[in-house]
Amino acid sequence: MPHSSPGWVIDAQGVCPLAEQMPSPNQDARPPHTLVDLIVIHNISLPPGQFGGEYVADLFLNRLDYQAHPYFAALRTLRVSAHFFLSRQGRLFQFVATENRAWHAGVSDFMGRAACNDFSVGIELEGTDDTAFTPAQYDGLALLTVALCRRYRIAGITGHQQIAPARKTDPGARFDWVRYERQYRQQMDMPKPDTPKPFPVFYSGTLPRAGA
């Protein structure tokens, strides 16, 4: 992958031109003066373990047919979204502009900072906790991460399971944090030794809690 690919940017409105735009109603404004500095990685598939189709998009757009599968009945009252969704083929969809708050993290805590939706960007990968993610997804995720880091002062990258460990298990044990970080760093212009440039910290383990 090249260090810079056309379309892999985030514009001033928080839109990635490369992504297919599917605006979700499940969003609102971030709190005033909020600095976006966290990326949260998730996985999702609907029905669980089945890939392809439009059910994930339908969930984020509040148009899911709850009669289409028995599992969907439990989702009837759910109102959620993510900023981005990466399919198994690496196709990128955007549901919420990054300048706005997507409803992806729920009750959450990142190193003593609650309400992670306020200051984070949520990226959903099509997958499950126990299924390996695809090379196309790692490629797209690395390029998207670089675009986000060039738009915002991203200080941390973590998984949903790290910020809501009592409730969530994604992206799961099959997500390769080492590969992801390596590919991200390959895409990023590395700093010269005499001009250090901060990189986001990848929090893939248990995060310390406030007061710990």
N, C-alpha and C. Protein backbone atom coordinates (compact mmCIF):
# COMPACT_ATOMS: atom_id res chain seq x y z
N MET A 1 0.84 -1.19 0.00
CA MET A 1 0.00 0.00 0.00
C MET A 1 0.88 1.25 0.00
N PRO A 2 0.53 2.27 -0.78
CA PRO A 2 1.29 3.50 -0.78
C PRO A 2 1.08 4.29 0.50
N HIS A 3 2.03 5.22 0.79
CA HIS A 3 1.91 6.02 2.00
C HIS A 3 0.74 6.99 1.91
N SER A 4 0.31 7.34 0.70
CA SER A 4 -0.82 8.25 0.54
C SER A 4 -1.68 7.75 -0.60
N SER A 5 -2.95 7.45 -0.32
CA SER A 5 -3.85 6.96 -1.34
C SER A 5 -4.98 7.95 -1.52
N PRO A 6 -5.32 8.27 -2.78
CA PRO A 6 -6.39 9.24 -3.02
C PRO A 6 -7.68 8.82 -2.32
N GLY A 7 -8.31 9.77 -1.68
CA GLY A 7 -9.58 9.50 -1.02
C GLY A 7 -9.46 9.13 0.44
N TRP A 8 -8.28 8.65 0.86
CA TRP A 8 -8.10 8.28 2.27
C TRP A 8 -7.72 9.52 3.07
N VAL A 9 -8.66 10.43 3.18
CA VAL A 9 -8.50 11.66 3.95
C VAL A 9 -9.80 11.91 4.70
N ILE A 10 -9.72 12.75 5.71
CA ILE A 10 -10.90 13.20 6.44
C ILE A 10 -10.97 14.71 6.26
N ASP A 11 -12.03 15.20 5.66
CA ASP A 11 -12.11 16.63 5.37
C ASP A 11 -12.57 17.42 6.61
N ALA A 12 -12.72 18.73 6.44
CA ALA A 12 -13.04 19.60 7.57
C ALA A 12 -14.40 19.31 8.17
N GLN A 13 -15.29 18.69 7.40
CA GLN A 13 -16.61 18.33 7.91
C GLN A 13 -16.62 16.94 8.55
N GLY A 14 -15.46 16.27 8.52
CA GLY A 14 -15.38 14.94 9.10
C GLY A 14 -15.82 13.83 8.16
N VAL A 15 -15.72 14.08 6.86
CA VAL A 15 -16.16 13.12 5.85
C VAL A 15 -14.95 12.53 5.13
N CYS A 16 -14.97 11.23 4.92
CA CYS A 16 -13.96 10.55 4.10
C CYS A 16 -14.53 10.37 2.70
N PRO A 17 -13.99 11.08 1.69
CA PRO A 17 -14.55 11.01 0.34
C PRO A 17 -14.57 9.61 -0.26
N LEU A 18 -13.66 8.75 0.19
CA LEU A 18 -13.59 7.40 -0.35
C LEU A 18 -14.77 6.53 0.10
N ALA A 19 -15.33 6.86 1.24
CA ALA A 19 -16.38 6.02 1.84
C ALA A 19 -17.73 6.25 1.17
N GLU A 20 -18.51 5.19 1.12
CA GLU A 20 -19.90 5.33 0.70
C GLU A 20 -20.67 5.95 1.86
N GLN A 21 -21.31 7.07 1.60
CA GLN A 21 -21.97 7.82 2.66
C GLN A 21 -23.40 7.32 2.88
N MET A 22 -23.68 6.93 4.13
CA MET A 22 -25.00 6.44 4.52
C MET A 22 -25.36 7.08 5.85
N PRO A 23 -25.79 8.32 5.87
CA PRO A 23 -25.99 9.06 7.12
C PRO A 23 -26.99 8.38 8.05
N SER A 24 -26.55 8.12 9.27
CA SER A 24 -27.41 7.51 10.29
C SER A 24 -28.13 8.57 11.09
N PRO A 25 -29.39 8.32 11.47
CA PRO A 25 -30.07 9.24 12.39
C PRO A 25 -29.55 9.12 13.81
N ASN A 26 -28.78 8.08 14.08
CA ASN A 26 -28.30 7.82 15.44
C ASN A 26 -26.97 8.54 15.67
N GLN A 27 -27.07 9.84 15.81
CA GLN A 27 -25.90 10.67 16.03
C GLN A 27 -26.37 12.00 16.63
N ASP A 28 -25.42 12.71 17.19
CA ASP A 28 -25.71 14.06 17.67
C ASP A 28 -24.40 14.83 17.77
N ALA A 29 -24.47 16.04 18.27
CA ALA A 29 -23.29 16.89 18.37
C ALA A 29 -22.41 16.45 19.53
N ARG A 30 -21.12 16.56 19.33
CA ARG A 30 -20.21 16.33 20.44
C ARG A 30 -20.34 17.50 21.42
N PRO A 31 -19.98 17.29 22.67
CA PRO A 31 -20.00 18.41 23.63
C PRO A 31 -19.09 19.55 23.14
N PRO A 32 -19.44 20.77 23.43
CA PRO A 32 -18.63 21.91 22.98
C PRO A 32 -17.16 21.77 23.39
N HIS A 33 -16.28 22.14 22.47
CA HIS A 33 -14.83 22.19 22.71
C HIS A 33 -14.22 20.81 22.95
N THR A 34 -14.91 19.76 22.53
CA THR A 34 -14.37 18.42 22.70
C THR A 34 -13.25 18.17 21.69
N LEU A 35 -12.14 17.60 22.16
CA LEU A 35 -11.05 17.19 21.29
C LEU A 35 -11.18 15.71 20.99
N VAL A 36 -11.23 15.37 19.73
CA VAL A 36 -11.30 13.96 19.31
C VAL A 36 -9.89 13.39 19.39
N ASP A 37 -9.69 12.39 20.27
CA ASP A 37 -8.33 11.89 20.43
C ASP A 37 -8.25 10.38 20.65
N LEU A 38 -9.35 9.66 20.37
CA LEU A 38 -9.37 8.22 20.60
C LEU A 38 -10.05 7.52 19.42
N ILE A 39 -9.49 6.38 19.02
CA ILE A 39 -10.11 5.50 18.03
C ILE A 39 -10.51 4.21 18.75
N VAL A 40 -11.75 3.78 18.54
CA VAL A 40 -12.25 2.54 19.16
C VAL A 40 -12.58 1.55 18.04
N ILE A 41 -12.00 0.35 18.13
CA ILE A 41 -12.22 -0.70 17.15
C ILE A 41 -13.27 -1.68 17.66
N HIS A 42 -14.24 -2.00 16.80
CA HIS A 42 -15.32 -2.93 17.11
C HIS A 42 -15.37 -4.03 16.05
N ASN A 43 -16.18 -5.06 16.31
CA ASN A 43 -16.60 -5.94 15.22
C ASN A 43 -18.11 -6.13 15.30
N ILE A 44 -18.68 -6.47 14.14
CA ILE A 44 -20.12 -6.68 14.07
C ILE A 44 -20.44 -7.57 12.88
N SER A 45 -21.44 -8.39 13.02
CA SER A 45 -22.01 -9.14 11.90
C SER A 45 -23.46 -9.44 12.24
N LEU A 46 -24.31 -9.39 11.23
CA LEU A 46 -25.73 -9.65 11.42
C LEU A 46 -26.27 -10.50 10.27
N PRO A 47 -26.94 -11.61 10.66
CA PRO A 47 -26.95 -12.24 11.99
C PRO A 47 -25.53 -12.61 12.42
N PRO A 48 -25.31 -12.84 13.70
CA PRO A 48 -23.96 -13.13 14.16
C PRO A 48 -23.30 -14.27 13.37
N GLY A 49 -22.10 -13.99 12.87
CA GLY A 49 -21.35 -15.00 12.13
C GLY A 49 -21.68 -15.06 10.65
N GLN A 50 -22.62 -14.25 10.19
CA GLN A 50 -22.95 -14.22 8.77
C GLN A 50 -22.49 -12.89 8.18
N PHE A 51 -21.78 -12.98 7.06
CA PHE A 51 -21.19 -11.80 6.46
C PHE A 51 -21.85 -11.46 5.13
N GLY A 52 -21.74 -10.20 4.75
CA GLY A 52 -22.38 -9.74 3.52
C GLY A 52 -23.80 -9.28 3.81
N GLY A 53 -24.44 -8.78 2.80
CA GLY A 53 -25.80 -8.30 2.99
C GLY A 53 -25.82 -6.90 3.57
N GLU A 54 -27.02 -6.44 3.90
CA GLU A 54 -27.21 -5.06 4.31
C GLU A 54 -27.74 -4.91 5.74
N TYR A 55 -27.71 -5.99 6.50
CA TYR A 55 -28.33 -5.92 7.82
C TYR A 55 -27.62 -4.96 8.77
N VAL A 56 -26.28 -4.89 8.70
CA VAL A 56 -25.56 -3.96 9.58
C VAL A 56 -25.95 -2.53 9.24
N ALA A 57 -25.93 -2.21 7.95
CA ALA A 57 -26.35 -0.87 7.53
C ALA A 57 -27.79 -0.59 7.95
N ASP A 58 -28.63 -1.58 7.79
CA ASP A 58 -30.04 -1.40 8.18
C ASP A 58 -30.17 -1.11 9.67
N LEU A 59 -29.35 -1.77 10.49
CA LEU A 59 -29.38 -1.50 11.93
C LEU A 59 -28.99 -0.06 12.22
N PHE A 60 -27.91 0.40 11.60
CA PHE A 60 -27.43 1.76 11.85
C PHE A 60 -28.38 2.82 11.29
N LEU A 61 -29.21 2.42 10.32
CA LEU A 61 -30.13 3.37 9.70
C LEU A 61 -31.56 3.24 10.24
N ASN A 62 -31.73 2.40 11.27
CA ASN A 62 -33.05 2.20 11.90
C ASN A 62 -34.10 1.66 10.92
N ARG A 63 -33.67 0.80 10.01
CA ARG A 63 -34.61 0.23 9.05
C ARG A 63 -34.51 -1.30 9.01
N LEU A 64 -33.95 -1.89 10.06
CA LEU A 64 -33.79 -3.34 10.11
C LEU A 64 -35.15 -4.02 10.16
N ASP A 65 -35.33 -5.05 9.33
CA ASP A 65 -36.54 -5.86 9.34
C ASP A 65 -36.41 -6.88 10.48
N TYR A 66 -37.10 -6.63 11.57
CA TYR A 66 -36.96 -7.47 12.76
C TYR A 66 -37.56 -8.86 12.57
N GLN A 67 -38.30 -9.04 11.49
CA GLN A 67 -38.88 -10.36 11.20
C GLN A 67 -37.94 -11.21 10.34
N ALA A 68 -36.85 -10.64 9.86
CA ALA A 68 -35.99 -11.34 8.91
C ALA A 68 -35.17 -12.45 9.54
N HIS A 69 -34.95 -12.36 10.86
CA HIS A 69 -34.16 -13.38 11.55
C HIS A 69 -34.54 -13.35 13.03
N PRO A 70 -34.62 -14.50 13.69
CA PRO A 70 -35.01 -14.52 15.10
C PRO A 70 -34.13 -13.65 16.00
N TYR A 71 -32.86 -13.56 15.68
CA TYR A 71 -31.93 -12.77 16.50
C TYR A 71 -32.31 -11.30 16.53
N PHE A 72 -32.92 -10.82 15.46
CA PHE A 72 -33.16 -9.39 15.32
C PHE A 72 -34.21 -8.85 16.30
N ALA A 73 -35.04 -9.72 16.84
CA ALA A 73 -36.08 -9.25 17.76
C ALA A 73 -35.48 -8.54 18.97
N ALA A 74 -34.31 -9.00 19.42
CA ALA A 74 -33.67 -8.41 20.59
C ALA A 74 -33.07 -7.03 20.28
N LEU A 75 -33.02 -6.67 19.00
CA LEU A 75 -32.42 -5.39 18.60
C LEU A 75 -33.47 -4.31 18.36
N ARG A 76 -34.71 -4.63 18.60
CA ARG A 76 -35.80 -3.73 18.20
C ARG A 76 -35.67 -2.34 18.81
N THR A 77 -35.23 -2.24 20.05
CA THR A 77 -35.16 -0.92 20.71
C THR A 77 -33.76 -0.30 20.61
N LEU A 78 -32.85 -0.99 19.95
CA LEU A 78 -31.47 -0.52 19.89
C LEU A 78 -31.34 0.63 18.90
N ARG A 79 -30.66 1.67 19.31
CA ARG A 79 -30.37 2.81 18.44
C ARG A 79 -28.87 3.07 18.52
N VAL A 80 -28.14 2.57 17.53
CA VAL A 80 -26.68 2.63 17.55
C VAL A 80 -26.16 3.03 16.18
N SER A 81 -24.90 3.38 16.17
CA SER A 81 -24.22 3.70 14.92
C SER A 81 -22.72 3.65 15.17
N ALA A 82 -21.96 3.70 14.11
CA ALA A 82 -20.52 3.89 14.19
C ALA A 82 -20.16 4.92 13.13
N HIS A 83 -18.99 5.50 13.26
CA HIS A 83 -18.57 6.43 12.22
C HIS A 83 -18.31 5.68 10.91
N PHE A 84 -17.61 4.53 11.03
CA PHE A 84 -17.21 3.79 9.84
C PHE A 84 -17.50 2.30 10.00
N PHE A 85 -17.68 1.64 8.86
CA PHE A 85 -17.83 0.19 8.79
C PHE A 85 -16.97 -0.31 7.64
N LEU A 86 -16.12 -1.30 7.91
CA LEU A 86 -15.26 -1.91 6.89
C LEU A 86 -15.72 -3.34 6.65
N SER A 87 -16.13 -3.62 5.42
CA SER A 87 -16.60 -4.96 5.07
C SER A 87 -15.43 -5.94 4.98
N ARG A 88 -15.75 -7.20 4.82
CA ARG A 88 -14.71 -8.23 4.68
C ARG A 88 -13.84 -7.97 3.45
N GLN A 89 -14.40 -7.31 2.44
CA GLN A 89 -13.67 -7.01 1.22
C GLN A 89 -12.92 -5.68 1.29
N GLY A 90 -13.01 -5.00 2.43
CA GLY A 90 -12.34 -3.72 2.58
C GLY A 90 -13.13 -2.54 2.07
N ARG A 91 -14.39 -2.74 1.79
CA ARG A 91 -15.25 -1.65 1.34
C ARG A 91 -15.62 -0.78 2.54
N LEU A 92 -15.47 0.53 2.37
CA LEU A 92 -15.64 1.45 3.49
C LEU A 92 -16.96 2.20 3.39
N PHE A 93 -17.71 2.19 4.49
CA PHE A 93 -18.97 2.92 4.60
C PHE A 93 -18.83 3.92 5.75
N GLN A 94 -19.42 5.10 5.58
CA GLN A 94 -19.44 6.08 6.66
C GLN A 94 -20.87 6.42 7.02
N PHE A 95 -21.19 6.27 8.30
CA PHE A 95 -22.54 6.52 8.80
C PHE A 95 -22.66 7.83 9.58
N VAL A 96 -21.55 8.30 10.12
CA VAL A 96 -21.55 9.54 10.89
C VAL A 96 -20.26 10.29 10.58
N ALA A 97 -20.36 11.58 10.32
CA ALA A 97 -19.17 12.41 10.14
C ALA A 97 -18.39 12.44 11.45
N THR A 98 -17.09 12.42 11.35
CA THR A 98 -16.28 12.35 12.57
C THR A 98 -16.36 13.61 13.41
N GLU A 99 -16.86 14.70 12.85
CA GLU A 99 -17.08 15.90 13.66
C GLU A 99 -18.27 15.73 14.60
N ASN A 100 -19.11 14.74 14.33
CA ASN A 100 -20.28 14.47 15.16
C ASN A 100 -20.04 13.24 16.04
N ARG A 101 -20.93 13.04 16.98
CA ARG A 101 -20.83 11.92 17.90
C ARG A 101 -21.68 10.76 17.41
N ALA A 102 -21.02 9.64 17.16
CA ALA A 102 -21.74 8.40 16.84
C ALA A 102 -22.03 7.66 18.14
N TRP A 103 -23.03 6.79 18.09
CA TRP A 103 -23.47 6.06 19.30
C TRP A 103 -22.94 4.63 19.23
N HIS A 104 -21.65 4.47 19.50
CA HIS A 104 -21.01 3.18 19.30
C HIS A 104 -20.45 2.56 20.57
N ALA A 105 -20.08 3.36 21.57
CA ALA A 105 -19.36 2.82 22.72
C ALA A 105 -20.26 2.51 23.91
N GLY A 106 -21.37 3.21 24.05
CA GLY A 106 -22.24 3.00 25.20
C GLY A 106 -21.55 3.40 26.49
N VAL A 107 -21.96 2.76 27.58
CA VAL A 107 -21.33 3.02 28.87
C VAL A 107 -19.88 2.55 28.79
N SER A 108 -18.94 3.46 28.97
CA SER A 108 -17.55 3.15 28.68
C SER A 108 -16.62 4.05 29.48
N ASP A 109 -15.37 3.61 29.56
CA ASP A 109 -14.37 4.36 30.32
C ASP A 109 -13.01 4.10 29.70
N PHE A 110 -12.33 5.17 29.33
CA PHE A 110 -10.98 5.05 28.80
C PHE A 110 -10.01 5.77 29.74
N MET A 111 -9.31 4.98 30.55
CA MET A 111 -8.30 5.50 31.46
C MET A 111 -8.86 6.61 32.35
N GLY A 112 -10.06 6.35 32.90
CA GLY A 112 -10.67 7.29 33.81
C GLY A 112 -11.56 8.33 33.15
N ARG A 113 -11.64 8.31 31.83
CA ARG A 113 -12.51 9.25 31.10
C ARG A 113 -13.75 8.49 30.66
N ALA A 114 -14.88 8.87 31.21
CA ALA A 114 -16.13 8.19 30.89
C ALA A 114 -16.73 8.75 29.60
N ALA A 115 -17.79 8.08 29.14
CA ALA A 115 -18.55 8.55 27.96
C ALA A 115 -17.64 8.69 26.74
N CYS A 116 -17.07 7.57 26.32
CA CYS A 116 -16.10 7.60 25.22
C CYS A 116 -16.68 8.09 23.90
N ASN A 117 -17.99 7.96 23.72
CA ASN A 117 -18.59 8.50 22.49
C ASN A 117 -18.25 9.97 22.28
N ASP A 118 -18.10 10.70 23.39
CA ASP A 118 -17.88 12.13 23.29
C ASP A 118 -16.61 12.48 22.53
N PHE A 119 -15.56 11.69 22.70
CA PHE A 119 -14.24 12.08 22.19
C PHE A 119 -13.58 11.03 21.29
N SER A 120 -14.36 10.08 20.83
CA SER A 120 -13.78 8.99 20.04
C SER A 120 -14.40 8.88 18.65
N VAL A 121 -13.69 8.14 17.81
CA VAL A 121 -14.18 7.71 16.50
C VAL A 121 -14.36 6.20 16.56
N GLY A 122 -15.54 5.71 16.20
CA GLY A 122 -15.83 4.29 16.23
C GLY A 122 -15.73 3.66 14.86
N ILE A 123 -14.97 2.58 14.76
CA ILE A 123 -14.79 1.85 13.50
C ILE A 123 -15.25 0.41 13.71
N GLU A 124 -16.24 0.01 12.95
CA GLU A 124 -16.75 -1.36 13.00
C GLU A 124 -16.12 -2.18 11.87
N LEU A 125 -15.57 -3.34 12.20
CA LEU A 125 -15.08 -4.30 11.22
C LEU A 125 -16.11 -5.41 11.09
N GLU A 126 -16.44 -5.79 9.88
CA GLU A 126 -17.35 -6.91 9.69
C GLU A 126 -16.63 -8.18 10.12
N GLY A 127 -17.13 -8.80 11.17
CA GLY A 127 -16.46 -9.99 11.68
C GLY A 127 -17.04 -10.42 13.00
N THR A 128 -16.35 -11.37 13.65
CA THR A 128 -16.73 -11.88 14.95
C THR A 128 -15.48 -12.01 15.81
N ASP A 129 -15.70 -12.27 17.10
CA ASP A 129 -14.57 -12.42 18.02
C ASP A 129 -13.67 -13.58 17.65
N ASP A 130 -14.23 -14.63 17.04
CA ASP A 130 -13.46 -15.84 16.79
C ASP A 130 -13.23 -16.13 15.32
N THR A 131 -13.31 -15.10 14.48
CA THR A 131 -13.03 -15.24 13.05
C THR A 131 -11.91 -14.28 12.67
N ALA A 132 -10.91 -14.78 11.96
CA ALA A 132 -9.81 -13.92 11.55
C ALA A 132 -10.31 -12.82 10.61
N PHE A 133 -9.78 -11.64 10.77
CA PHE A 133 -10.12 -10.54 9.87
C PHE A 133 -9.30 -10.65 8.60
N THR A 134 -9.73 -9.98 7.55
CA THR A 134 -9.14 -10.18 6.23
C THR A 134 -7.99 -9.19 5.98
N PRO A 135 -7.08 -9.54 5.07
CA PRO A 135 -6.03 -8.59 4.70
C PRO A 135 -6.59 -7.26 4.21
N ALA A 136 -7.70 -7.31 3.46
CA ALA A 136 -8.30 -6.07 2.96
C ALA A 136 -8.77 -5.19 4.11
N GLN A 137 -9.25 -5.80 5.19
CA GLN A 137 -9.68 -5.01 6.34
C GLN A 137 -8.50 -4.36 7.05
N TYR A 138 -7.41 -5.10 7.22
CA TYR A 138 -6.22 -4.51 7.84
C TYR A 138 -5.66 -3.38 6.97
N ASP A 139 -5.66 -3.58 5.65
CA ASP A 139 -5.17 -2.53 4.76
C ASP A 139 -6.02 -1.27 4.90
N GLY A 140 -7.34 -1.44 4.84
CA GLY A 140 -8.23 -0.30 4.94
C GLY A 140 -8.17 0.36 6.30
N LEU A 141 -8.08 -0.45 7.36
CA LEU A 141 -8.04 0.10 8.71
C LEU A 141 -6.77 0.92 8.92
N ALA A 142 -5.65 0.44 8.40
CA ALA A 142 -4.40 1.20 8.53
C ALA A 142 -4.48 2.53 7.81
N LEU A 143 -5.02 2.54 6.61
CA LEU A 143 -5.13 3.79 5.85
C LEU A 143 -6.12 4.75 6.50
N LEU A 144 -7.22 4.21 7.01
CA LEU A 144 -8.20 5.06 7.69
C LEU A 144 -7.59 5.64 8.97
N THR A 145 -6.82 4.85 9.69
CA THR A 145 -6.17 5.33 10.90
C THR A 145 -5.23 6.48 10.59
N VAL A 146 -4.45 6.34 9.54
CA VAL A 146 -3.54 7.42 9.15
C VAL A 146 -4.34 8.68 8.83
N ALA A 147 -5.43 8.54 8.09
CA ALA A 147 -6.26 9.70 7.74
C ALA A 147 -6.80 10.37 9.00
N LEU A 148 -7.25 9.58 9.96
CA LEU A 148 -7.78 10.15 11.20
C LEU A 148 -6.67 10.85 12.01
N CYS A 149 -5.49 10.25 12.02
CA CYS A 149 -4.38 10.85 12.77
C CYS A 149 -3.91 12.15 12.12
N ARG A 150 -4.08 12.27 10.85
CA ARG A 150 -3.71 13.51 10.17
C ARG A 150 -4.76 14.60 10.35
N ARG A 151 -5.98 14.19 10.67
CA ARG A 151 -7.06 15.16 10.88
C ARG A 151 -7.16 15.56 12.35
N TYR A 152 -6.91 14.61 13.26
CA TYR A 152 -7.06 14.85 14.69
C TYR A 152 -5.77 14.49 15.42
N ARG A 153 -5.66 14.96 16.64
CA ARG A 153 -4.52 14.62 17.49
C ARG A 153 -4.86 13.33 18.26
N ILE A 154 -4.88 12.23 17.54
CA ILE A 154 -5.24 10.95 18.14
C ILE A 154 -4.13 10.51 19.10
N ALA A 155 -4.51 10.26 20.34
CA ALA A 155 -3.55 9.87 21.36
C ALA A 155 -3.64 8.39 21.72
N GLY A 156 -4.78 7.76 21.44
CA GLY A 156 -4.96 6.37 21.82
C GLY A 156 -5.82 5.62 20.83
N ILE A 157 -5.54 4.32 20.69
CA ILE A 157 -6.32 3.42 19.85
C ILE A 157 -6.59 2.18 20.69
N THR A 158 -7.85 1.79 20.78
CA THR A 158 -8.20 0.69 21.66
C THR A 158 -9.40 -0.07 21.12
N GLY A 159 -9.76 -1.14 21.80
CA GLY A 159 -10.92 -1.94 21.41
C GLY A 159 -12.11 -1.68 22.31
N HIS A 160 -13.29 -2.04 21.82
CA HIS A 160 -14.49 -1.88 22.63
C HIS A 160 -14.38 -2.69 23.92
N GLN A 161 -13.75 -3.85 23.84
CA GLN A 161 -13.63 -4.70 25.02
C GLN A 161 -12.76 -4.06 26.10
N GLN A 162 -11.86 -3.17 25.73
CA GLN A 162 -11.01 -2.52 26.71
C GLN A 162 -11.72 -1.37 27.44
N ILE A 163 -12.68 -0.74 26.79
CA ILE A 163 -13.36 0.40 27.41
C ILE A 163 -14.70 0.03 28.04
N ALA A 164 -15.17 -1.20 27.76
CA ALA A 164 -16.41 -1.70 28.37
C ALA A 164 -16.26 -3.19 28.66
N PRO A 165 -15.28 -3.55 29.49
CA PRO A 165 -14.94 -4.98 29.66
C PRO A 165 -16.03 -5.81 30.31
N ALA A 166 -16.93 -5.20 31.04
CA ALA A 166 -18.01 -5.98 31.66
C ALA A 166 -19.11 -6.31 30.67
N ARG A 167 -19.14 -5.62 29.53
CA ARG A 167 -20.23 -5.79 28.58
C ARG A 167 -19.79 -6.33 27.21
N LYS A 168 -18.56 -6.00 26.79
CA LYS A 168 -18.18 -6.23 25.41
C LYS A 168 -16.92 -7.08 25.30
N THR A 169 -16.81 -7.78 24.17
CA THR A 169 -15.65 -8.66 23.93
C THR A 169 -14.98 -8.38 22.60
N ASP A 170 -15.45 -7.37 21.88
CA ASP A 170 -14.89 -7.09 20.56
C ASP A 170 -13.80 -6.02 20.61
N PRO A 171 -12.86 -6.06 19.69
CA PRO A 171 -12.84 -6.85 18.47
C PRO A 171 -12.45 -8.31 18.65
N GLY A 172 -12.05 -8.72 19.83
CA GLY A 172 -11.84 -10.13 20.10
C GLY A 172 -10.41 -10.59 19.91
N ALA A 173 -10.20 -11.87 20.30
CA ALA A 173 -8.85 -12.43 20.30
C ALA A 173 -8.28 -12.62 18.90
N ARG A 174 -9.12 -12.69 17.88
CA ARG A 174 -8.61 -12.90 16.52
C ARG A 174 -8.20 -11.60 15.84
N PHE A 175 -8.42 -10.48 16.50
CA PHE A 175 -7.93 -9.22 15.93
C PHE A 175 -6.44 -9.11 16.23
N ASP A 176 -5.64 -8.91 15.19
CA ASP A 176 -4.18 -8.91 15.30
C ASP A 176 -3.70 -7.47 15.51
N TRP A 177 -3.54 -7.10 16.79
CA TRP A 177 -3.09 -5.74 17.11
C TRP A 177 -1.69 -5.46 16.59
N VAL A 178 -0.83 -6.47 16.62
CA VAL A 178 0.56 -6.28 16.14
C VAL A 178 0.56 -5.98 14.65
N ARG A 179 -0.20 -6.73 13.89
CA ARG A 179 -0.27 -6.49 12.45
C ARG A 179 -0.86 -5.12 12.16
N TYR A 180 -1.93 -4.79 12.85
CA TYR A 180 -2.58 -3.49 12.64
C TYR A 180 -1.61 -2.35 12.91
N GLU A 181 -0.91 -2.40 14.05
CA GLU A 181 0.01 -1.31 14.37
C GLU A 181 1.16 -1.26 13.37
N ARG A 182 1.67 -2.41 12.97
CA ARG A 182 2.76 -2.43 11.99
C ARG A 182 2.33 -1.80 10.67
N GLN A 183 1.14 -2.18 10.19
CA GLN A 183 0.67 -1.61 8.93
C GLN A 183 0.39 -0.12 9.04
N TYR A 184 -0.17 0.28 10.18
CA TYR A 184 -0.41 1.71 10.39
C TYR A 184 0.90 2.48 10.35
N ARG A 185 1.90 1.99 11.05
CA ARG A 185 3.18 2.70 11.09
C ARG A 185 3.86 2.72 9.72
N GLN A 186 3.68 1.68 8.93
CA GLN A 186 4.23 1.66 7.58
C GLN A 186 3.60 2.73 6.70
N GLN A 187 2.33 3.02 6.94
CA GLN A 187 1.63 4.03 6.16
C GLN A 187 1.98 5.45 6.60
N MET A 188 2.34 5.60 7.86
CA MET A 188 2.61 6.91 8.43
C MET A 188 4.05 7.31 8.10
N ASP A 189 4.29 8.57 7.86
CA ASP A 189 5.66 9.05 7.70
C ASP A 189 6.34 8.99 9.06
N MET A 190 7.35 8.15 9.16
CA MET A 190 8.02 7.98 10.45
C MET A 190 8.85 9.21 10.78
N PRO A 191 8.93 9.60 12.04
CA PRO A 191 9.70 10.79 12.42
C PRO A 191 11.20 10.55 12.30
N LYS A 192 11.91 11.60 11.97
CA LYS A 192 13.37 11.54 12.02
C LYS A 192 13.81 11.52 13.49
N PRO A 193 14.96 10.93 13.77
CA PRO A 193 15.40 10.85 15.17
C PRO A 193 15.50 12.20 15.88
N ASP A 194 15.85 13.26 15.11
CA ASP A 194 16.03 14.56 15.74
C ASP A 194 14.75 15.38 15.79
N THR A 195 13.67 14.84 15.22
CA THR A 195 12.38 15.54 15.25
C THR A 195 11.30 14.55 15.68
N PRO A 196 11.30 14.18 16.96
CA PRO A 196 10.34 13.16 17.41
C PRO A 196 8.90 13.57 17.16
N LYS A 197 8.11 12.61 16.74
CA LYS A 197 6.70 12.83 16.44
C LYS A 197 5.88 11.80 17.21
N PRO A 198 4.94 12.24 18.02
CA PRO A 198 4.20 11.28 18.84
C PRO A 198 3.30 10.38 18.00
N PHE A 199 3.22 9.14 18.38
CA PHE A 199 2.30 8.19 17.77
C PHE A 199 1.23 7.82 18.78
N PRO A 200 0.04 7.48 18.32
CA PRO A 200 -0.96 7.00 19.26
C PRO A 200 -0.47 5.75 19.98
N VAL A 201 -0.92 5.60 21.21
CA VAL A 201 -0.61 4.40 21.97
C VAL A 201 -1.70 3.37 21.70
N PHE A 202 -1.30 2.15 21.37
CA PHE A 202 -2.25 1.08 21.10
C PHE A 202 -2.55 0.34 22.41
N TYR A 203 -3.77 0.52 22.91
CA TYR A 203 -4.16 -0.10 24.17
C TYR A 203 -4.95 -1.38 23.85
N SER A 204 -4.21 -2.50 23.79
CA SER A 204 -4.86 -3.76 23.44
C SER A 204 -5.01 -4.69 24.63
N GLY A 205 -4.55 -4.25 25.79
CA GLY A 205 -4.69 -5.06 27.00
C GLY A 205 -5.67 -4.43 27.96
N THR A 206 -5.64 -4.85 29.21
CA THR A 206 -6.53 -4.28 30.21
C THR A 206 -6.07 -2.87 30.56
N LEU A 207 -6.96 -1.93 30.49
CA LEU A 207 -6.61 -0.55 30.77
C LEU A 207 -6.68 -0.27 32.25
N PRO A 208 -5.74 0.52 32.76
CA PRO A 208 -5.86 0.92 34.17
C PRO A 208 -7.06 1.83 34.39
N ARG A 209 -7.69 1.67 35.48
CA ARG A 209 -8.85 2.50 35.82
C ARG A 209 -8.41 3.70 36.65
N ALA A 210 -9.26 4.69 36.68
CA ALA A 210 -8.97 5.88 37.47
C ALA A 210 -8.73 5.47 38.93
N GLY A 211 -7.65 5.97 39.50
CA GLY A 211 -7.35 5.67 40.88
C GLY A 211 -6.60 4.38 41.08
N ALA A 212 -6.38 3.64 39.98
CA ALA A 212 -5.66 2.36 40.10
C ALA A 212 -4.18 2.58 40.27
